[in-house]
Amino acid sequence: MASGELNPADGTYLNEFRIHEGVDTSYSKFNRKPDPIDDNPYDKIVPPQDLPYVGWTEPGEWLNRRVVTKSSRV
C-alpha cells in the first residue's frame, strides 16, 4: 500500500484519482522542491507532466486495460 506522501488526499483530481480502488495510481511530477520526484537526467523518454500511471501493485491484484484505436486492421 502506498504511503500517501507523494499523492496526499487533498481533494485534487490527480491525487485522489481512483483512490478507493485496489491498484494504486500515481502521475508524473516535475519541478517539485525540495525533493524532485520524476526529474531524472537518465530518462530516454520524458513523459508529459501529470500523466497518470499505475504506481504500485501487490501480488494478486488485477489490471483491466482498454485500448482504443481508430481502426482495426488485421
N, C-alpha and C. Protein backbone atom coordinates (compact mmCIF):
# COMPACT_ATOMS: atom_id res chain seq x y z
N MET A 1 0.84 -1.18 0.00
CA MET A 1 0.00 0.00 0.00
C MET A 1 0.89 1.24 0.00
N ALA A 2 0.47 2.22 -0.72
CA ALA A 2 1.24 3.46 -0.83
C ALA A 2 1.17 4.27 0.45
N SER A 3 2.17 5.11 0.66
CA SER A 3 2.24 5.91 1.89
C SER A 3 1.34 7.12 1.84
N GLY A 4 1.06 7.64 0.65
CA GLY A 4 0.26 8.86 0.54
C GLY A 4 1.09 10.12 0.65
N GLU A 5 2.40 9.99 0.81
CA GLU A 5 3.25 11.17 0.94
C GLU A 5 3.40 11.91 -0.38
N LEU A 6 3.53 11.18 -1.48
CA LEU A 6 3.71 11.83 -2.78
C LEU A 6 2.39 12.31 -3.37
N ASN A 7 1.31 11.63 -3.05
CA ASN A 7 -0.02 11.98 -3.55
C ASN A 7 -0.98 12.12 -2.37
N PRO A 8 -0.86 13.16 -1.58
CA PRO A 8 -1.73 13.29 -0.40
C PRO A 8 -3.19 13.49 -0.81
N ALA A 9 -4.11 12.88 -0.09
CA ALA A 9 -5.54 13.03 -0.36
C ALA A 9 -5.96 14.44 0.05
N ASP A 10 -5.78 15.39 -0.88
CA ASP A 10 -6.04 16.79 -0.56
C ASP A 10 -7.19 17.39 -1.38
N GLY A 11 -7.97 16.52 -2.04
CA GLY A 11 -9.10 17.00 -2.81
C GLY A 11 -8.81 17.25 -4.28
N THR A 12 -7.53 17.22 -4.68
CA THR A 12 -7.22 17.45 -6.09
C THR A 12 -7.49 16.18 -6.89
N TYR A 13 -7.89 16.37 -8.14
CA TYR A 13 -8.25 15.24 -9.01
C TYR A 13 -7.10 14.24 -9.15
N LEU A 14 -5.90 14.71 -9.46
CA LEU A 14 -4.79 13.79 -9.69
C LEU A 14 -4.39 13.04 -8.43
N ASN A 15 -4.46 13.67 -7.27
CA ASN A 15 -4.07 12.99 -6.03
C ASN A 15 -5.12 11.99 -5.56
N GLU A 16 -6.37 12.16 -5.97
CA GLU A 16 -7.42 11.26 -5.49
C GLU A 16 -8.03 10.40 -6.59
N PHE A 17 -7.39 10.36 -7.76
CA PHE A 17 -7.89 9.57 -8.88
C PHE A 17 -7.97 8.10 -8.49
N ARG A 18 -9.16 7.54 -8.51
CA ARG A 18 -9.42 6.13 -8.17
C ARG A 18 -8.83 5.74 -6.83
N ILE A 19 -8.98 6.60 -5.85
CA ILE A 19 -8.35 6.40 -4.53
C ILE A 19 -8.85 5.15 -3.80
N HIS A 20 -10.08 4.73 -4.08
CA HIS A 20 -10.64 3.59 -3.35
C HIS A 20 -10.56 2.28 -4.13
N GLU A 21 -9.80 2.25 -5.21
CA GLU A 21 -9.62 1.01 -5.96
C GLU A 21 -8.35 0.30 -5.50
N GLY A 22 -8.26 -0.99 -5.81
CA GLY A 22 -7.15 -1.80 -5.31
C GLY A 22 -5.78 -1.40 -5.82
N VAL A 23 -5.66 -1.19 -7.12
CA VAL A 23 -4.36 -0.84 -7.70
C VAL A 23 -4.13 0.65 -7.50
N ASP A 24 -2.96 0.99 -7.00
CA ASP A 24 -2.66 2.40 -6.72
C ASP A 24 -2.17 3.10 -7.98
N THR A 25 -2.68 4.29 -8.19
CA THR A 25 -2.25 5.08 -9.34
C THR A 25 -1.41 6.26 -8.86
N SER A 26 -0.62 6.77 -9.76
CA SER A 26 0.17 7.96 -9.49
C SER A 26 0.17 8.79 -10.77
N TYR A 27 0.97 9.82 -10.81
CA TYR A 27 1.10 10.64 -12.02
C TYR A 27 2.47 11.27 -12.04
N SER A 28 2.94 11.60 -13.23
CA SER A 28 4.28 12.16 -13.37
C SER A 28 4.33 13.57 -12.78
N LYS A 29 5.37 13.80 -11.99
CA LYS A 29 5.53 15.07 -11.28
C LYS A 29 6.93 15.62 -11.56
N PHE A 30 6.99 16.87 -11.97
CA PHE A 30 8.28 17.50 -12.26
C PHE A 30 8.41 18.81 -11.49
N ASN A 31 9.65 19.24 -11.30
CA ASN A 31 9.96 20.53 -10.67
C ASN A 31 9.40 20.66 -9.26
N ARG A 32 9.39 19.57 -8.50
CA ARG A 32 8.94 19.62 -7.11
C ARG A 32 10.13 19.98 -6.23
N LYS A 33 9.96 20.94 -5.39
CA LYS A 33 11.02 21.36 -4.47
C LYS A 33 10.57 21.06 -3.04
N PRO A 34 11.41 20.65 -2.14
CA PRO A 34 12.86 20.47 -2.28
C PRO A 34 13.24 19.11 -2.86
N ASP A 35 12.27 18.19 -2.98
CA ASP A 35 12.60 16.84 -3.45
C ASP A 35 12.06 16.59 -4.85
N PRO A 36 12.93 16.58 -5.87
CA PRO A 36 12.45 16.24 -7.21
C PRO A 36 11.96 14.79 -7.21
N ILE A 37 10.86 14.53 -7.88
CA ILE A 37 10.28 13.19 -7.87
C ILE A 37 10.56 12.47 -9.18
N ASP A 38 10.08 13.00 -10.28
CA ASP A 38 10.26 12.34 -11.57
C ASP A 38 11.29 13.03 -12.45
N ASP A 39 12.03 13.97 -11.91
CA ASP A 39 13.10 14.64 -12.67
C ASP A 39 14.31 13.70 -12.69
N ASN A 40 14.54 13.06 -13.81
CA ASN A 40 15.61 12.09 -13.90
C ASN A 40 16.46 12.39 -15.13
N PRO A 41 17.72 12.75 -14.95
CA PRO A 41 18.56 13.08 -16.10
C PRO A 41 18.86 11.88 -16.99
N TYR A 42 18.55 10.66 -16.54
CA TYR A 42 18.84 9.46 -17.31
C TYR A 42 17.65 8.96 -18.12
N ASP A 43 16.50 9.60 -18.01
CA ASP A 43 15.34 9.19 -18.79
C ASP A 43 15.61 9.36 -20.28
N LYS A 44 15.34 8.32 -21.05
CA LYS A 44 15.46 8.42 -22.51
C LYS A 44 14.20 9.03 -23.10
N ILE A 45 13.08 8.78 -22.46
CA ILE A 45 11.80 9.35 -22.87
C ILE A 45 11.19 10.01 -21.64
N VAL A 46 10.86 11.27 -21.76
CA VAL A 46 10.26 12.00 -20.64
C VAL A 46 8.75 12.08 -20.87
N PRO A 47 7.96 11.52 -19.96
CA PRO A 47 6.51 11.57 -20.14
C PRO A 47 5.98 12.99 -19.93
N PRO A 48 4.79 13.26 -20.43
CA PRO A 48 4.18 14.57 -20.17
C PRO A 48 3.91 14.74 -18.68
N GLN A 49 3.96 15.96 -18.21
CA GLN A 49 3.65 16.22 -16.81
C GLN A 49 2.20 15.87 -16.52
N ASP A 50 1.95 15.37 -15.32
CA ASP A 50 0.61 15.00 -14.83
C ASP A 50 0.02 13.80 -15.57
N LEU A 51 0.84 12.96 -16.19
CA LEU A 51 0.37 11.77 -16.88
C LEU A 51 0.08 10.67 -15.85
N PRO A 52 -1.16 10.19 -15.76
CA PRO A 52 -1.46 9.10 -14.81
C PRO A 52 -0.78 7.80 -15.22
N TYR A 53 -0.39 7.00 -14.22
CA TYR A 53 0.18 5.69 -14.49
C TYR A 53 -0.07 4.79 -13.28
N VAL A 54 0.08 3.49 -13.48
CA VAL A 54 -0.06 2.55 -12.37
C VAL A 54 1.19 2.69 -11.52
N GLY A 55 0.99 3.05 -10.26
CA GLY A 55 2.12 3.31 -9.39
C GLY A 55 2.62 2.08 -8.65
N TRP A 56 1.72 1.37 -7.97
CA TRP A 56 2.13 0.24 -7.15
C TRP A 56 1.09 -0.85 -7.28
N THR A 57 1.54 -2.09 -7.31
CA THR A 57 0.63 -3.23 -7.29
C THR A 57 1.17 -4.24 -6.29
N GLU A 58 0.28 -5.10 -5.85
CA GLU A 58 0.66 -6.19 -4.96
C GLU A 58 0.33 -7.50 -5.65
N PRO A 59 1.01 -8.58 -5.31
CA PRO A 59 0.69 -9.87 -5.92
C PRO A 59 -0.80 -10.18 -5.77
N GLY A 60 -1.41 -10.61 -6.86
CA GLY A 60 -2.83 -10.95 -6.84
C GLY A 60 -3.74 -9.84 -7.32
N GLU A 61 -3.23 -8.61 -7.43
CA GLU A 61 -4.06 -7.52 -7.94
C GLU A 61 -4.15 -7.62 -9.46
N TRP A 62 -5.32 -7.29 -9.99
CA TRP A 62 -5.56 -7.37 -11.42
C TRP A 62 -5.69 -5.99 -12.01
N LEU A 63 -5.30 -5.87 -13.28
CA LEU A 63 -5.48 -4.63 -14.03
C LEU A 63 -6.35 -4.93 -15.25
N ASN A 64 -7.31 -4.09 -15.50
CA ASN A 64 -8.06 -4.15 -16.75
C ASN A 64 -7.56 -3.02 -17.62
N ARG A 65 -7.20 -3.34 -18.84
CA ARG A 65 -6.71 -2.31 -19.76
C ARG A 65 -7.64 -2.23 -20.96
N ARG A 66 -7.82 -1.04 -21.43
CA ARG A 66 -8.66 -0.80 -22.60
C ARG A 66 -7.83 -0.02 -23.61
N VAL A 67 -7.79 -0.52 -24.83
CA VAL A 67 -7.06 0.14 -25.89
C VAL A 67 -8.06 0.62 -26.93
N VAL A 68 -8.04 1.90 -27.21
CA VAL A 68 -8.94 2.49 -28.19
C VAL A 68 -8.14 2.80 -29.45
N THR A 69 -8.60 2.29 -30.58
CA THR A 69 -7.92 2.54 -31.85
C THR A 69 -8.89 3.18 -32.84
N LYS A 70 -8.34 3.80 -33.87
CA LYS A 70 -9.19 4.42 -34.90
C LYS A 70 -9.74 3.38 -35.86
N SER A 71 -9.00 2.30 -36.09
CA SER A 71 -9.48 1.25 -36.99
C SER A 71 -8.90 -0.09 -36.55
N SER A 72 -9.49 -1.15 -37.05
CA SER A 72 -8.98 -2.49 -36.72
C SER A 72 -8.45 -3.12 -38.00
N ARG A 73 -7.19 -2.93 -38.25
CA ARG A 73 -6.55 -3.51 -39.43
C ARG A 73 -5.92 -4.83 -39.04
N VAL A 74 -6.33 -5.86 -39.73
CA VAL A 74 -5.82 -7.19 -39.42
C VAL A 74 -4.98 -7.69 -40.56
